[in-house]
Amino acid sequence: MTASAPKATNIVWHHSTVTRAARAHQRGHRSAILWFTGLSGAGKSTLANAVNSALFEQGLSCYVLDGDNVRHGLCNDLGFSDADREENIRRIGEVAKLFLDAGVVVLTAFVSPFRADRDRARALVEPGDFIEIHCAADLEVCESRDTKGLYAKARAGEIKEFTGISSPYEAPETPELRVDTGHGDLEACVAQVLAYLEQAGIIPAPTDA
């Protein structure tokens, strides 16, 4: 399943009278897509939500798209076959692009195991707008955090096509940021992400009151 032209005809793209640049000027920060990727249990959602909270506390516009949450609605018709995973990430990439245009720092927390799918999501936006963050944690660490028992079920053959066990995970080769979520302290991991965003000029450095 690959991206293609819309099936509908006689459609025209309408440009908003309020631009992304105008929203950035009003809010005092750029928008961006922070794409957290890693194995199940690597800490993607934990880190994304912690970063989101830190941004919110600074008064910035931000929102988390979580893998499980999205599968309850937007992608509830998809399973975990390779084709369904590809379509899942295609939809998320398009939604994240809308958040980007809306002036929001959008944080996506998905396994997104295939490089090609992540590359397609990156290609939807301009250079510098897509920040790939690899939540690096060894499989053994992820299994030890398996509160849902998913890895045990996968090893027992009860869950098919489970990333890291019966389906591959293709780690990013050159992510914008690699965070040691396997052994790093959460506060330090958040600080690493925020420091990158400040250096990239996406968010302002905090000022002393």
C-alpha atoms as a PDB file:
ATOM      1  CA  MET A   1       0.000   0.000   0.000  1.00  0.00           C
ATOM      2  CA  THR A   2       1.671   3.218  -1.137  1.00  0.00           C
ATOM      3  CA  ALA A   3       0.714   6.858  -1.308  1.00  0.00           C
ATOM      4  CA  SER A   4      -1.149   7.814  -4.453  1.00  0.00           C
ATOM      5  CA  ALA A   5      -3.109  10.667  -5.965  1.00  0.00           C
ATOM      6  CA  PRO A   6      -6.593  11.289  -4.528  1.00  0.00           C
ATOM      7  CA  LYS A   7      -9.357   9.146  -6.015  1.00  0.00           C
ATOM      8  CA  ALA A   8     -11.712  12.126  -6.009  1.00  0.00           C
ATOM      9  CA  THR A   9     -11.675  14.432  -9.002  1.00  0.00           C
ATOM     10  CA  ASN A  10     -12.563  18.099  -9.380  1.00  0.00           C
ATOM     11  CA  ILE A  11     -10.917  19.002  -6.077  1.00  0.00           C
ATOM     12  CA  VAL A  12      -8.713  22.051  -5.516  1.00  0.00           C
ATOM     13  CA  TRP A  13      -6.382  22.823  -2.613  1.00  0.00           C
ATOM     14  CA  HIS A  14      -7.571  25.921  -0.731  1.00  0.00           C
ATOM     15  CA  HIS A  15      -4.938  28.020   1.003  1.00  0.00           C
ATOM     16  CA  SER A  16      -5.791  29.431   4.418  1.00  0.00           C
ATOM     17  CA  THR A  17      -5.952  33.197   4.864  1.00  0.00           C
ATOM     18  CA  VAL A  18      -4.130  32.703   8.192  1.00  0.00           C
ATOM     19  CA  THR A  19      -0.676  31.365   7.372  1.00  0.00           C
ATOM     20  CA  ARG A  20       1.609  29.132   9.368  1.00  0.00           C
ATOM     21  CA  ALA A  21       4.082  32.007   9.582  1.00  0.00           C
ATOM     22  CA  ALA A  22       1.385  34.251  11.071  1.00  0.00           C
ATOM     23  CA  ARG A  23       0.588  31.636  13.690  1.00  0.00           C
ATOM     24  CA  ALA A  24       4.281  31.300  14.554  1.00  0.00           C
ATOM     25  CA  HIS A  25       4.561  35.077  14.967  1.00  0.00           C
ATOM     26  CA  GLN A  26       1.480  35.191  17.195  1.00  0.00           C
ATOM     27  CA  ARG A  27       2.609  32.289  19.400  1.00  0.00           C
ATOM     28  CA  GLY A  28       6.296  33.073  19.540  1.00  0.00           C
ATOM     29  CA  HIS A  29       7.531  29.699  18.370  1.00  0.00           C
ATOM     30  CA  ARG A  30       7.762  27.548  15.264  1.00  0.00           C
ATOM     31  CA  SER A  31       5.712  24.439  14.697  1.00  0.00           C
ATOM     32  CA  ALA A  32       7.379  21.085  14.106  1.00  0.00           C
ATOM     33  CA  ILE A  33       6.775  17.344  13.966  1.00  0.00           C
ATOM     34  CA  LEU A  34       8.624  15.440  16.695  1.00  0.00           C
ATOM     35  CA  TRP A  35       8.534  11.837  15.500  1.00  0.00           C
ATOM     36  CA  PHE A  36       9.356   9.471  18.388  1.00  0.00           C
ATOM     37  CA  THR A  37      10.137   5.955  17.156  1.00  0.00           C
ATOM     38  CA  GLY A  38      11.319   2.825  18.937  1.00  0.00           C
ATOM     39  CA  LEU A  39      10.328  -0.633  20.094  1.00  0.00           C
ATOM     40  CA  SER A  40       7.244  -1.234  22.184  1.00  0.00           C
ATOM     41  CA  GLY A  41       8.296  -0.445  25.740  1.00  0.00           C
ATOM     42  CA  ALA A  42      11.142   1.831  24.673  1.00  0.00           C
ATOM     43  CA  GLY A  43       9.504   4.806  26.362  1.00  0.00           C
ATOM     44  CA  LYS A  44       8.125   6.696  23.358  1.00  0.00           C
ATOM     45  CA  SER A  45       4.803   7.685  24.915  1.00  0.00           C
ATOM     46  CA  THR A  46       6.389   8.401  28.289  1.00  0.00           C
ATOM     47  CA  LEU A  47       9.001  10.701  26.785  1.00  0.00           C
ATOM     48  CA  ALA A  48       6.624  12.343  24.308  1.00  0.00           C
ATOM     49  CA  ASN A  49       4.125  13.154  27.050  1.00  0.00           C
ATOM     50  CA  ALA A  50       6.844  14.450  29.370  1.00  0.00           C
ATOM     51  CA  VAL A  51       8.195  16.723  26.621  1.00  0.00           C
ATOM     52  CA  ASN A  52       4.640  17.798  25.828  1.00  0.00           C
ATOM     53  CA  SER A  53       4.090  18.764  29.476  1.00  0.00           C
ATOM     54  CA  ALA A  54       7.326  20.755  29.528  1.00  0.00           C
ATOM     55  CA  LEU A  55       6.325  22.636  26.364  1.00  0.00           C
ATOM     56  CA  PHE A  56       2.836  23.276  27.718  1.00  0.00           C
ATOM     57  CA  GLU A  57       4.271  24.680  30.940  1.00  0.00           C
ATOM     58  CA  GLN A  58       6.240  27.150  28.812  1.00  0.00           C
ATOM     59  CA  GLY A  59       2.966  28.279  27.224  1.00  0.00           C
ATOM     60  CA  LEU A  60       3.664  26.676  23.843  1.00  0.00           C
ATOM     61  CA  SER A  61       1.082  25.075  21.528  1.00  0.00           C
ATOM     62  CA  CYS A  62       1.663  21.324  21.525  1.00  0.00           C
ATOM     63  CA  TYR A  63      -0.186  18.021  21.165  1.00  0.00           C
ATOM     64  CA  VAL A  64       0.644  14.298  21.399  1.00  0.00           C
ATOM     65  CA  LEU A  65      -0.573  11.759  18.838  1.00  0.00           C
ATOM     66  CA  ASP A  66      -0.298   8.395  20.590  1.00  0.00           C
ATOM     67  CA  GLY A  67      -0.214   5.080  18.765  1.00  0.00           C
ATOM     68  CA  ASP A  68      -2.846   3.254  20.828  1.00  0.00           C
ATOM     69  CA  ASN A  69      -5.134   6.295  20.965  1.00  0.00           C
ATOM     70  CA  VAL A  70      -5.112   6.768  17.194  1.00  0.00           C
ATOM     71  CA  ARG A  71      -5.992   3.112  16.662  1.00  0.00           C
ATOM     72  CA  HIS A  72      -9.166   3.649  18.701  1.00  0.00           C
ATOM     73  CA  GLY A  73     -10.542   6.005  16.066  1.00  0.00           C
ATOM     74  CA  LEU A  74      -8.734   7.251  12.977  1.00  0.00           C
ATOM     75  CA  CYS A  75      -7.024   3.918  12.352  1.00  0.00           C
ATOM     76  CA  ASN A  76      -9.434   1.483  14.022  1.00  0.00           C
ATOM     77  CA  ASP A  77      -9.877  -0.336  10.708  1.00  0.00           C
ATOM     78  CA  LEU A  78      -6.196  -1.318  10.560  1.00  0.00           C
ATOM     79  CA  GLY A  79      -4.375  -4.336  11.925  1.00  0.00           C
ATOM     80  CA  PHE A  80      -0.644  -4.965  12.152  1.00  0.00           C
ATOM     81  CA  SER A  81       0.221  -6.469   8.786  1.00  0.00           C
ATOM     82  CA  ASP A  82       3.007  -4.684   6.904  1.00  0.00           C
ATOM     83  CA  ALA A  83       0.433  -3.055   4.618  1.00  0.00           C
ATOM     84  CA  ASP A  84      -1.694  -1.890   7.544  1.00  0.00           C
ATOM     85  CA  ARG A  85       1.340  -0.523   9.373  1.00  0.00           C
ATOM     86  CA  GLU A  86       2.264   1.424   6.243  1.00  0.00           C
ATOM     87  CA  GLU A  87      -1.245   2.884   5.971  1.00  0.00           C
ATOM     88  CA  ASN A  88      -1.282   3.676   9.694  1.00  0.00           C
ATOM     89  CA  ILE A  89       1.883   5.743   9.394  1.00  0.00           C
ATOM     90  CA  ARG A  90       0.692   7.363   6.156  1.00  0.00           C
ATOM     91  CA  ARG A  91      -2.417   8.640   7.933  1.00  0.00           C
ATOM     92  CA  ILE A  92      -0.430   9.834  10.931  1.00  0.00           C
ATOM     93  CA  GLY A  93       1.998  11.667   8.663  1.00  0.00           C
ATOM     94  CA  GLU A  94      -0.882  13.508   7.004  1.00  0.00           C
ATOM     95  CA  VAL A  95      -2.496  14.390  10.342  1.00  0.00           C
ATOM     96  CA  ALA A  96       0.846  15.573  11.726  1.00  0.00           C
ATOM     97  CA  LYS A  97       1.252  17.783   8.652  1.00  0.00           C
ATOM     98  CA  LEU A  98      -2.093  19.440   9.456  1.00  0.00           C
ATOM     99  CA  PHE A  99      -0.958  20.116  13.030  1.00  0.00           C
ATOM    100  CA  LEU A 100       2.252  21.583  11.620  1.00  0.00           C
ATOM    101  CA  ASP A 101       0.289  23.988   9.438  1.00  0.00           C
ATOM    102  CA  ALA A 102      -1.870  24.875  12.453  1.00  0.00           C
ATOM    103  CA  GLY A 103       1.239  26.134  14.246  1.00  0.00           C
ATOM    104  CA  VAL A 104       1.458  23.300  16.758  1.00  0.00           C
ATOM    105  CA  VAL A 105       4.468  21.319  17.944  1.00  0.00           C
ATOM    106  CA  VAL A 106       3.025  17.840  17.362  1.00  0.00           C
ATOM    107  CA  LEU A 107       4.632  14.845  19.045  1.00  0.00           C
ATOM    108  CA  THR A 108       3.949  11.436  17.510  1.00  0.00           C
ATOM    109  CA  ALA A 109       4.606   8.301  19.561  1.00  0.00           C
ATOM    110  CA  PHE A 110       4.472   5.288  17.235  1.00  0.00           C
ATOM    111  CA  VAL A 111       6.669   2.238  16.807  1.00  0.00           C
ATOM    112  CA  SER A 112       6.748   3.088  13.071  1.00  0.00           C
ATOM    113  CA  PRO A 113       9.120   0.179  12.455  1.00  0.00           C
ATOM    114  CA  PHE A 114       9.942   0.695   8.779  1.00  0.00           C
ATOM    115  CA  ARG A 115      12.391   3.358   7.564  1.00  0.00           C
ATOM    116  CA  ALA A 116      10.555   3.777   4.264  1.00  0.00           C
ATOM    117  CA  ASP A 117       7.332   4.732   6.069  1.00  0.00           C
ATOM    118  CA  ARG A 118       9.122   7.262   8.266  1.00  0.00           C
ATOM    119  CA  ASP A 119      10.889   8.666   5.212  1.00  0.00           C
ATOM    120  CA  ARG A 120       7.548   9.136   3.458  1.00  0.00           C
ATOM    121  CA  ALA A 121       6.216  11.035   6.464  1.00  0.00           C
ATOM    122  CA  ARG A 122       9.327  13.213   6.424  1.00  0.00           C
ATOM    123  CA  ALA A 123       8.906  13.899   2.715  1.00  0.00           C
ATOM    124  CA  LEU A 124       5.476  15.447   3.336  1.00  0.00           C
ATOM    125  CA  VAL A 125       7.024  18.533   4.925  1.00  0.00           C
ATOM    126  CA  GLU A 126       9.908  20.924   4.394  1.00  0.00           C
ATOM    127  CA  PRO A 127      13.444  20.210   5.664  1.00  0.00           C
ATOM    128  CA  GLY A 128      13.766  21.087   9.326  1.00  0.00           C
ATOM    129  CA  ASP A 129      10.084  20.460  10.097  1.00  0.00           C
ATOM    130  CA  PHE A 130      10.422  16.725  10.781  1.00  0.00           C
ATOM    131  CA  ILE A 131      12.504  15.795  13.836  1.00  0.00           C
ATOM    132  CA  GLU A 132      13.085  12.046  14.063  1.00  0.00           C
ATOM    133  CA  ILE A 133      13.782  11.018  17.664  1.00  0.00           C
ATOM    134  CA  HIS A 134      14.970   7.467  18.186  1.00  0.00           C
ATOM    135  CA  CYS A 135      14.002   6.170  21.616  1.00  0.00           C
ATOM    136  CA  ALA A 136      16.873   3.728  21.902  1.00  0.00           C
ATOM    137  CA  ALA A 137      16.274   0.814  24.257  1.00  0.00           C
ATOM    138  CA  ASP A 138      17.454  -2.778  23.919  1.00  0.00           C
ATOM    139  CA  LEU A 139      14.886  -5.503  23.395  1.00  0.00           C
ATOM    140  CA  GLU A 140      15.729  -6.987  26.807  1.00  0.00           C
ATOM    141  CA  VAL A 141      14.962  -3.684  28.524  1.00  0.00           C
ATOM    142  CA  CYS A 142      11.688  -3.305  26.620  1.00  0.00           C
ATOM    143  CA  GLU A 143      10.610  -6.809  27.579  1.00  0.00           C
ATOM    144  CA  SER A 144      11.374  -6.119  31.233  1.00  0.00           C
ATOM    145  CA  ARG A 145       8.962  -3.154  31.080  1.00  0.00           C
ATOM    146  CA  ASP A 146       6.220  -5.205  29.441  1.00  0.00           C
ATOM    147  CA  THR A 147       3.354  -4.352  31.799  1.00  0.00           C
ATOM    148  CA  LYS A 148       0.784  -5.412  29.183  1.00  0.00           C
ATOM    149  CA  GLY A 149       2.403  -8.818  28.677  1.00  0.00           C
ATOM    150  CA  LEU A 150       2.622  -8.248  24.924  1.00  0.00           C
ATOM    151  CA  TYR A 151       6.131  -9.617  24.453  1.00  0.00           C
ATOM    152  CA  ALA A 152       5.276 -12.777  26.391  1.00  0.00           C
ATOM    153  CA  LYS A 153       2.195 -13.284  24.221  1.00  0.00           C
ATOM    154  CA  ALA A 154       4.236 -12.661  21.073  1.00  0.00           C
ATOM    155  CA  ARG A 155       6.874 -15.200  22.091  1.00  0.00           C
ATOM    156  CA  ALA A 156       4.102 -17.675  22.813  1.00  0.00           C
ATOM    157  CA  GLY A 157       2.703 -17.120  19.336  1.00  0.00           C
ATOM    158  CA  GLU A 158      -0.486 -15.523  20.631  1.00  0.00           C
ATOM    159  CA  ILE A 159       0.272 -12.190  18.910  1.00  0.00           C
ATOM    160  CA  LYS A 160       1.335 -12.344  15.286  1.00  0.00           C
ATOM    161  CA  GLU A 161       3.584  -9.797  13.538  1.00  0.00           C
ATOM    162  CA  PHE A 162       4.849  -8.226  16.766  1.00  0.00           C
ATOM    163  CA  THR A 163       7.721  -5.802  16.249  1.00  0.00           C
ATOM    164  CA  GLY A 164      11.001  -7.038  17.658  1.00  0.00           C
ATOM    165  CA  ILE A 165       9.824 -10.662  17.875  1.00  0.00           C
ATOM    166  CA  SER A 166       8.088 -11.779  14.684  1.00  0.00           C
ATOM    167  CA  SER A 167       8.283  -8.522  12.711  1.00  0.00           C
ATOM    168  CA  PRO A 168      11.417  -6.406  12.202  1.00  0.00           C
ATOM    169  CA  TYR A 169      12.227  -2.988  13.606  1.00  0.00           C
ATOM    170  CA  GLU A 170      14.424  -0.856  11.355  1.00  0.00           C
ATOM    171  CA  ALA A 171      16.170   1.599  13.654  1.00  0.00           C
ATOM    172  CA  PRO A 172      16.874   5.084  12.279  1.00  0.00           C
ATOM    173  CA  GLU A 173      20.344   5.373  10.773  1.00  0.00           C
ATOM    174  CA  THR A 174      20.674   9.149  10.992  1.00  0.00           C
ATOM    175  CA  PRO A 175      17.941  10.524  13.285  1.00  0.00           C
ATOM    176  CA  GLU A 176      18.021  14.153  14.337  1.00  0.00           C
ATOM    177  CA  LEU A 177      18.190  12.892  17.909  1.00  0.00           C
ATOM    178  CA  ARG A 178      18.922   9.589  19.590  1.00  0.00           C
ATOM    179  CA  VAL A 179      17.831   9.376  23.208  1.00  0.00           C
ATOM    180  CA  ASP A 180      18.919   6.581  25.566  1.00  0.00           C
ATOM    181  CA  THR A 181      15.479   5.776  26.934  1.00  0.00           C
ATOM    182  CA  GLY A 182      16.699   2.318  27.898  1.00  0.00           C
ATOM    183  CA  HIS A 183      18.932   3.542  30.703  1.00  0.00           C
ATOM    184  CA  GLY A 184      18.642   7.330  30.775  1.00  0.00           C
ATOM    185  CA  ASP A 185      16.766   9.255  33.437  1.00  0.00           C
ATOM    186  CA  LEU A 186      13.458  10.647  32.120  1.00  0.00           C
ATOM    187  CA  GLU A 187      14.249  14.184  33.223  1.00  0.00           C
ATOM    188  CA  ALA A 188      17.599  14.060  31.423  1.00  0.00           C
ATOM    189  CA  CYS A 189      15.928  12.665  28.276  1.00  0.00           C
ATOM    190  CA  VAL A 190      13.390  15.513  28.304  1.00  0.00           C
ATOM    191  CA  ALA A 191      16.173  18.047  28.748  1.00  0.00           C
ATOM    192  CA  GLN A 192      18.006  16.548  25.748  1.00  0.00           C
ATOM    193  CA  VAL A 193      14.952  16.976  23.520  1.00  0.00           C
ATOM    194  CA  LEU A 194      14.248  20.515  24.724  1.00  0.00           C
ATOM    195  CA  ALA A 195      17.885  21.515  24.209  1.00  0.00           C
ATOM    196  CA  TYR A 196      17.702  20.298  20.609  1.00  0.00           C
ATOM    197  CA  LEU A 197      14.498  22.233  19.957  1.00  0.00           C
ATOM    198  CA  GLU A 198      16.031  25.404  21.380  1.00  0.00           C
ATOM    199  CA  GLN A 199      19.223  25.020  19.325  1.00  0.00           C
ATOM    200  CA  ALA A 200      17.154  24.372  16.183  1.00  0.00           C
ATOM    201  CA  GLY A 201      15.206  27.582  16.809  1.00  0.00           C
ATOM    202  CA  ILE A 202      11.890  25.766  17.080  1.00  0.00           C
ATOM    203  CA  ILE A 203      11.142  26.918  20.607  1.00  0.00           C
ATOM    204  CA  PRO A 204      12.538  29.897  22.527  1.00  0.00           C
ATOM    205  CA  ALA A 205      14.996  29.348  25.351  1.00  0.00           C
ATOM    206  CA  PRO A 206      13.233  29.861  28.688  1.00  0.00           C
ATOM    207  CA  THR A 207      13.882  33.203  30.359  1.00  0.00           C
ATOM    208  CA  ASP A 208      14.138  33.896  34.077  1.00  0.00           C
ATOM    209  CA  ALA A 209      11.065  35.618  35.412  1.00  0.00           C
END
